[in-house]
Amino acid sequence: MTASRALGISRDKAYELIRNGTFPVRTLALGGKTRVPTAELWKALGVEGARA
């Protein structure tokens, strides 16, 4: 949900893109949940060299 907000899309649209394989960031299916690696999200948003 955080990734979808950061990308400016709805949660439903994000899951649709994930199902279609067109989400703009790599996703990980872990234990029944879908995760987006933070560093990859930052890169997709144009935030280079960001630190947590």
C-alpha atoms as a PDB file:
ATOM      1  CA  MET A   1       0.000   0.000   0.000  1.00  0.00           C
ATOM      2  CA  THR A   2       2.868   2.377   0.762  1.00  0.00           C
ATOM      3  CA  ALA A   3       4.410   1.757  -2.639  1.00  0.00           C
ATOM      4  CA  SER A   4       1.137   2.411  -4.431  1.00  0.00           C
ATOM      5  CA  ARG A   5       0.713   5.722  -2.585  1.00  0.00           C
ATOM      6  CA  ALA A   6       4.296   6.720  -3.408  1.00  0.00           C
ATOM      7  CA  LEU A   7       3.644   5.931  -7.077  1.00  0.00           C
ATOM      8  CA  GLY A   8       0.331   7.811  -7.043  1.00  0.00           C
ATOM      9  CA  ILE A   9      -1.879   4.836  -7.840  1.00  0.00           C
ATOM     10  CA  SER A  10      -4.646   3.110  -5.921  1.00  0.00           C
ATOM     11  CA  ARG A  11      -4.119  -0.127  -4.026  1.00  0.00           C
ATOM     12  CA  ASP A  12      -6.448  -1.953  -6.420  1.00  0.00           C
ATOM     13  CA  LYS A  13      -4.536  -0.649  -9.442  1.00  0.00           C
ATOM     14  CA  ALA A  14      -1.247  -1.692  -7.852  1.00  0.00           C
ATOM     15  CA  TYR A  15      -2.462  -5.261  -7.357  1.00  0.00           C
ATOM     16  CA  GLU A  16      -3.804  -5.334 -10.901  1.00  0.00           C
ATOM     17  CA  LEU A  17      -0.394  -4.270 -12.230  1.00  0.00           C
ATOM     18  CA  ILE A  18       1.326  -6.873 -10.047  1.00  0.00           C
ATOM     19  CA  ARG A  19      -0.984  -9.624 -11.364  1.00  0.00           C
ATOM     20  CA  ASN A  20      -0.297  -8.495 -14.956  1.00  0.00           C
ATOM     21  CA  GLY A  21       3.447  -8.336 -14.352  1.00  0.00           C
ATOM     22  CA  THR A  22       3.560  -4.621 -15.196  1.00  0.00           C
ATOM     23  CA  PHE A  23       4.155  -3.065 -11.767  1.00  0.00           C
ATOM     24  CA  PRO A  24       7.032  -0.580 -12.233  1.00  0.00           C
ATOM     25  CA  VAL A  25       9.071  -2.095  -9.394  1.00  0.00           C
ATOM     26  CA  ARG A  26      10.080  -5.698  -8.686  1.00  0.00           C
ATOM     27  CA  THR A  27       7.800  -7.314  -6.124  1.00  0.00           C
ATOM     28  CA  LEU A  28       8.342 -10.250  -3.799  1.00  0.00           C
ATOM     29  CA  ALA A  29       5.640 -12.722  -2.786  1.00  0.00           C
ATOM     30  CA  LEU A  30       6.435 -13.656   0.815  1.00  0.00           C
ATOM     31  CA  GLY A  31       4.132 -15.674   3.020  1.00  0.00           C
ATOM     32  CA  GLY A  32       0.959 -14.692   1.218  1.00  0.00           C
ATOM     33  CA  LYS A  33       1.902 -11.010   1.143  1.00  0.00           C
ATOM     34  CA  THR A  34       3.438  -8.948  -1.615  1.00  0.00           C
ATOM     35  CA  ARG A  35       6.432  -6.800  -0.721  1.00  0.00           C
ATOM     36  CA  VAL A  36       8.235  -4.084  -2.660  1.00  0.00           C
ATOM     37  CA  PRO A  37      11.964  -3.681  -1.922  1.00  0.00           C
ATOM     38  CA  THR A  38      12.454  -0.162  -0.545  1.00  0.00           C
ATOM     39  CA  ALA A  39      15.675   0.548  -2.450  1.00  0.00           C
ATOM     40  CA  GLU A  40      14.014  -0.362  -5.747  1.00  0.00           C
ATOM     41  CA  LEU A  41      11.030   1.856  -4.967  1.00  0.00           C
ATOM     42  CA  TRP A  42      13.378   4.773  -4.233  1.00  0.00           C
ATOM     43  CA  LYS A  43      15.165   4.157  -7.515  1.00  0.00           C
ATOM     44  CA  ALA A  44      11.861   4.104  -9.441  1.00  0.00           C
ATOM     45  CA  LEU A  45      10.979   7.423  -7.778  1.00  0.00           C
ATOM     46  CA  GLY A  46      14.335   8.922  -8.743  1.00  0.00           C
ATOM     47  CA  VAL A  47      15.697   9.052  -5.204  1.00  0.00           C
ATOM     48  CA  GLU A  48      19.343   8.031  -5.586  1.00  0.00           C
ATOM     49  CA  GLY A  49      21.650   7.350  -2.669  1.00  0.00           C
ATOM     50  CA  ALA A  50      18.861   7.654  -0.104  1.00  0.00           C
ATOM     51  CA  ARG A  51      19.457   6.179   3.310  1.00  0.00           C
ATOM     52  CA  ALA A  52      16.910   4.648   5.639  1.00  0.00           C
END
